[in-house]
Amino acid sequence: MLRILVEGGGCSGFQYKFNLESTVNTGDRVFDRDGAKVVIDQLSLDLLKGSTIDFHKELIRSSFRIVGNPNAEHGCSCGASFALK
């Protein structure tokens, strides 16, 4: 499963983290779409509500990213961190 979480840090105040995990903790929400599972804790879910998870491919790398976060005022140029509205 892909775990998405938001932590304090990064150049804008909060940062997105993506991990592959096999466990679900108490209070986690699990979303399943076409066999792909995403797990997220409630606090991170509150900060990401309305966002889209995207898998982005480039010539030198591929990665997950969060796009269209309605709770973010602005993000950094790398797309890994954001500031709240």
N, C-alpha and C. Protein backbone atom coordinates (compact mmCIF):
# COMPACT_ATOMS: atom_id res chain seq x y z
N MET A 1 0.84 -1.18 0.00
CA MET A 1 0.00 0.00 0.00
C MET A 1 0.89 1.24 0.00
N LEU A 2 0.36 2.28 -0.58
CA LEU A 2 1.05 3.56 -0.56
C LEU A 2 0.53 4.37 0.62
N ARG A 3 1.44 4.74 1.53
CA ARG A 3 1.07 5.60 2.65
C ARG A 3 1.45 7.03 2.30
N ILE A 4 0.48 7.93 2.47
CA ILE A 4 0.71 9.35 2.26
C ILE A 4 0.57 10.03 3.61
N LEU A 5 1.52 10.88 3.93
CA LEU A 5 1.41 11.62 5.17
C LEU A 5 1.98 13.02 5.01
N VAL A 6 1.55 13.88 5.89
CA VAL A 6 2.03 15.26 5.92
C VAL A 6 2.79 15.44 7.22
N GLU A 7 4.01 15.98 7.13
CA GLU A 7 4.83 16.26 8.30
C GLU A 7 5.23 17.72 8.30
N GLY A 8 5.54 18.24 9.47
CA GLY A 8 6.11 19.57 9.54
C GLY A 8 7.51 19.55 8.96
N GLY A 9 7.86 20.59 8.23
CA GLY A 9 9.20 20.67 7.66
C GLY A 9 9.17 21.12 6.22
N GLY A 10 10.26 20.94 5.54
CA GLY A 10 10.37 21.39 4.17
C GLY A 10 10.56 22.90 4.13
N CYS A 11 10.72 23.45 2.96
CA CYS A 11 11.00 24.88 2.85
C CYS A 11 9.76 25.75 2.97
N SER A 12 8.55 25.13 2.97
CA SER A 12 7.32 25.93 3.07
C SER A 12 6.52 25.68 4.34
N GLY A 13 7.00 24.80 5.22
CA GLY A 13 6.32 24.58 6.50
C GLY A 13 5.79 23.17 6.70
N PHE A 14 5.23 22.57 5.64
CA PHE A 14 4.75 21.19 5.69
C PHE A 14 5.29 20.46 4.47
N GLN A 15 5.50 19.15 4.61
CA GLN A 15 5.99 18.39 3.48
C GLN A 15 5.20 17.10 3.30
N TYR A 16 5.08 16.70 2.04
CA TYR A 16 4.42 15.46 1.68
C TYR A 16 5.43 14.32 1.78
N LYS A 17 4.99 13.19 2.31
CA LYS A 17 5.82 11.99 2.38
C LYS A 17 5.06 10.82 1.78
N PHE A 18 5.76 9.96 1.07
CA PHE A 18 5.17 8.78 0.45
C PHE A 18 6.02 7.58 0.85
N ASN A 19 5.37 6.55 1.41
CA ASN A 19 6.05 5.33 1.81
C ASN A 19 5.24 4.13 1.36
N LEU A 20 5.92 3.03 1.08
CA LEU A 20 5.24 1.77 0.81
C LEU A 20 5.18 1.00 2.12
N GLU A 21 3.97 0.58 2.51
CA GLU A 21 3.77 -0.11 3.78
C GLU A 21 2.80 -1.27 3.60
N SER A 22 2.85 -2.18 4.56
CA SER A 22 1.92 -3.31 4.54
C SER A 22 0.99 -3.31 5.75
N THR A 23 1.13 -2.31 6.64
CA THR A 23 0.30 -2.27 7.84
C THR A 23 -0.63 -1.05 7.82
N VAL A 24 -1.76 -1.22 8.48
CA VAL A 24 -2.72 -0.14 8.66
C VAL A 24 -2.82 0.11 10.16
N ASN A 25 -2.63 1.34 10.59
CA ASN A 25 -2.70 1.69 12.00
C ASN A 25 -4.12 2.06 12.39
N THR A 26 -4.41 2.00 13.68
CA THR A 26 -5.71 2.41 14.19
C THR A 26 -5.96 3.86 13.81
N GLY A 27 -7.11 4.15 13.26
CA GLY A 27 -7.46 5.51 12.86
C GLY A 27 -7.10 5.85 11.43
N ASP A 28 -6.35 4.98 10.75
CA ASP A 28 -6.01 5.22 9.35
C ASP A 28 -7.23 5.02 8.46
N ARG A 29 -7.26 5.72 7.35
CA ARG A 29 -8.28 5.51 6.31
C ARG A 29 -7.60 4.84 5.13
N VAL A 30 -8.27 3.86 4.55
CA VAL A 30 -7.75 3.16 3.38
C VAL A 30 -8.67 3.43 2.21
N PHE A 31 -8.09 3.85 1.10
CA PHE A 31 -8.84 4.09 -0.13
C PHE A 31 -8.36 3.11 -1.17
N ASP A 32 -9.29 2.50 -1.89
CA ASP A 32 -8.97 1.49 -2.89
C ASP A 32 -9.59 1.90 -4.21
N ARG A 33 -8.77 1.99 -5.24
CA ARG A 33 -9.28 2.33 -6.56
C ARG A 33 -8.57 1.47 -7.59
N ASP A 34 -9.35 0.67 -8.27
CA ASP A 34 -8.82 -0.22 -9.31
C ASP A 34 -7.69 -1.10 -8.79
N GLY A 35 -7.80 -1.54 -7.53
CA GLY A 35 -6.81 -2.43 -6.94
C GLY A 35 -5.62 -1.73 -6.29
N ALA A 36 -5.50 -0.44 -6.48
CA ALA A 36 -4.42 0.32 -5.84
C ALA A 36 -4.93 0.85 -4.50
N LYS A 37 -4.17 0.59 -3.43
CA LYS A 37 -4.59 1.02 -2.10
C LYS A 37 -3.71 2.15 -1.59
N VAL A 38 -4.36 3.14 -1.01
CA VAL A 38 -3.68 4.27 -0.39
C VAL A 38 -4.16 4.34 1.05
N VAL A 39 -3.21 4.49 1.98
CA VAL A 39 -3.55 4.60 3.39
C VAL A 39 -3.06 5.97 3.88
N ILE A 40 -3.88 6.60 4.74
CA ILE A 40 -3.56 7.95 5.22
C ILE A 40 -4.13 8.13 6.62
N ASP A 41 -3.38 8.82 7.48
CA ASP A 41 -3.87 9.10 8.82
C ASP A 41 -4.83 10.28 8.77
N GLN A 42 -5.64 10.44 9.80
CA GLN A 42 -6.71 11.45 9.79
C GLN A 42 -6.17 12.87 9.70
N LEU A 43 -5.10 13.19 10.41
CA LEU A 43 -4.55 14.54 10.37
C LEU A 43 -4.06 14.89 8.96
N SER A 44 -3.35 13.96 8.33
CA SER A 44 -2.88 14.19 6.96
C SER A 44 -4.06 14.31 6.00
N LEU A 45 -5.09 13.49 6.21
CA LEU A 45 -6.27 13.56 5.36
C LEU A 45 -6.93 14.93 5.44
N ASP A 46 -7.01 15.48 6.63
CA ASP A 46 -7.60 16.81 6.80
C ASP A 46 -6.82 17.87 6.01
N LEU A 47 -5.48 17.73 5.95
CA LEU A 47 -4.64 18.70 5.24
C LEU A 47 -4.64 18.48 3.73
N LEU A 48 -5.08 17.30 3.29
CA LEU A 48 -5.03 16.96 1.87
C LEU A 48 -6.40 16.83 1.21
N LYS A 49 -7.48 17.03 1.97
CA LYS A 49 -8.83 16.89 1.41
C LYS A 49 -8.98 17.74 0.16
N GLY A 50 -9.47 17.11 -0.91
CA GLY A 50 -9.68 17.80 -2.17
C GLY A 50 -8.48 17.74 -3.10
N SER A 51 -7.38 17.15 -2.66
CA SER A 51 -6.16 17.04 -3.48
C SER A 51 -6.24 15.82 -4.39
N THR A 52 -5.34 15.79 -5.34
CA THR A 52 -5.22 14.66 -6.27
C THR A 52 -3.83 14.06 -6.11
N ILE A 53 -3.77 12.71 -6.10
CA ILE A 53 -2.50 12.00 -6.09
C ILE A 53 -2.16 11.72 -7.55
N ASP A 54 -0.97 12.10 -7.96
CA ASP A 54 -0.55 11.92 -9.34
C ASP A 54 0.74 11.11 -9.37
N PHE A 55 0.89 10.26 -10.38
CA PHE A 55 2.16 9.58 -10.61
C PHE A 55 2.79 10.23 -11.80
N HIS A 56 3.93 10.87 -11.57
CA HIS A 56 4.58 11.69 -12.59
C HIS A 56 5.83 10.98 -13.11
N LYS A 57 5.93 10.86 -14.43
CA LYS A 57 7.11 10.23 -15.05
C LYS A 57 7.93 11.27 -15.79
N GLU A 58 9.21 11.23 -15.53
CA GLU A 58 10.17 12.06 -16.25
C GLU A 58 11.26 11.16 -16.79
N LEU A 59 12.09 11.69 -17.61
CA LEU A 59 13.19 10.91 -18.18
C LEU A 59 14.12 10.37 -17.10
N ILE A 60 14.38 11.17 -16.05
CA ILE A 60 15.35 10.76 -15.04
C ILE A 60 14.73 10.17 -13.77
N ARG A 61 13.38 10.27 -13.61
CA ARG A 61 12.76 9.69 -12.41
C ARG A 61 11.25 9.60 -12.59
N SER A 62 10.65 8.83 -11.72
CA SER A 62 9.20 8.72 -11.61
C SER A 62 8.85 8.83 -10.14
N SER A 63 7.74 9.51 -9.83
CA SER A 63 7.39 9.69 -8.42
C SER A 63 5.92 10.05 -8.27
N PHE A 64 5.42 9.82 -7.06
CA PHE A 64 4.09 10.28 -6.70
C PHE A 64 4.19 11.74 -6.30
N ARG A 65 3.11 12.47 -6.50
CA ARG A 65 3.07 13.85 -6.06
C ARG A 65 1.62 14.24 -5.78
N ILE A 66 1.45 15.27 -4.99
CA ILE A 66 0.14 15.82 -4.67
C ILE A 66 -0.06 17.05 -5.53
N VAL A 67 -1.19 17.11 -6.23
CA VAL A 67 -1.50 18.28 -7.05
C VAL A 67 -2.87 18.83 -6.66
N GLY A 68 -3.03 20.12 -6.82
CA GLY A 68 -4.32 20.76 -6.57
C GLY A 68 -4.79 20.72 -5.13
N ASN A 69 -3.87 20.88 -4.18
CA ASN A 69 -4.25 20.88 -2.77
C ASN A 69 -4.96 22.20 -2.45
N PRO A 70 -6.27 22.17 -2.18
CA PRO A 70 -7.00 23.40 -1.91
C PRO A 70 -6.65 24.03 -0.56
N ASN A 71 -5.93 23.30 0.29
CA ASN A 71 -5.53 23.83 1.60
C ASN A 71 -4.16 24.49 1.57
N ALA A 72 -3.47 24.42 0.43
CA ALA A 72 -2.13 24.98 0.31
C ALA A 72 -2.18 26.38 -0.29
N GLU A 73 -1.53 27.30 0.39
CA GLU A 73 -1.43 28.67 -0.14
C GLU A 73 -0.41 28.72 -1.26
N HIS A 74 0.73 28.09 -1.03
CA HIS A 74 1.76 27.98 -2.06
C HIS A 74 2.67 26.82 -1.71
N GLY A 75 3.43 26.37 -2.68
CA GLY A 75 4.37 25.28 -2.46
C GLY A 75 5.74 25.67 -2.93
N CYS A 76 6.69 24.80 -2.68
CA CYS A 76 8.05 25.07 -3.15
C CYS A 76 8.17 24.62 -4.60
N SER A 77 9.27 24.96 -5.23
CA SER A 77 9.45 24.64 -6.64
C SER A 77 9.58 23.14 -6.89
N CYS A 78 10.03 22.37 -5.91
CA CYS A 78 10.17 20.93 -6.10
C CYS A 78 8.84 20.20 -5.91
N GLY A 79 7.84 20.87 -5.33
CA GLY A 79 6.53 20.26 -5.14
C GLY A 79 6.41 19.36 -3.93
N ALA A 80 7.45 19.29 -3.10
CA ALA A 80 7.43 18.39 -1.94
C ALA A 80 6.92 19.06 -0.67
N SER A 81 6.82 20.38 -0.65
CA SER A 81 6.34 21.04 0.57
C SER A 81 5.35 22.14 0.22
N PHE A 82 4.60 22.58 1.26
CA PHE A 82 3.57 23.58 1.05
C PHE A 82 3.33 24.36 2.33
N ALA A 83 2.70 25.52 2.17
CA ALA A 83 2.26 26.33 3.30
C ALA A 83 0.74 26.31 3.33
N LEU A 84 0.16 26.30 4.52
CA LEU A 84 -1.30 26.31 4.65
C LEU A 84 -1.88 27.69 4.36
N LYS A 85 -3.11 27.69 3.89
CA LYS A 85 -3.84 28.95 3.67
C LYS A 85 -4.20 29.54 5.01
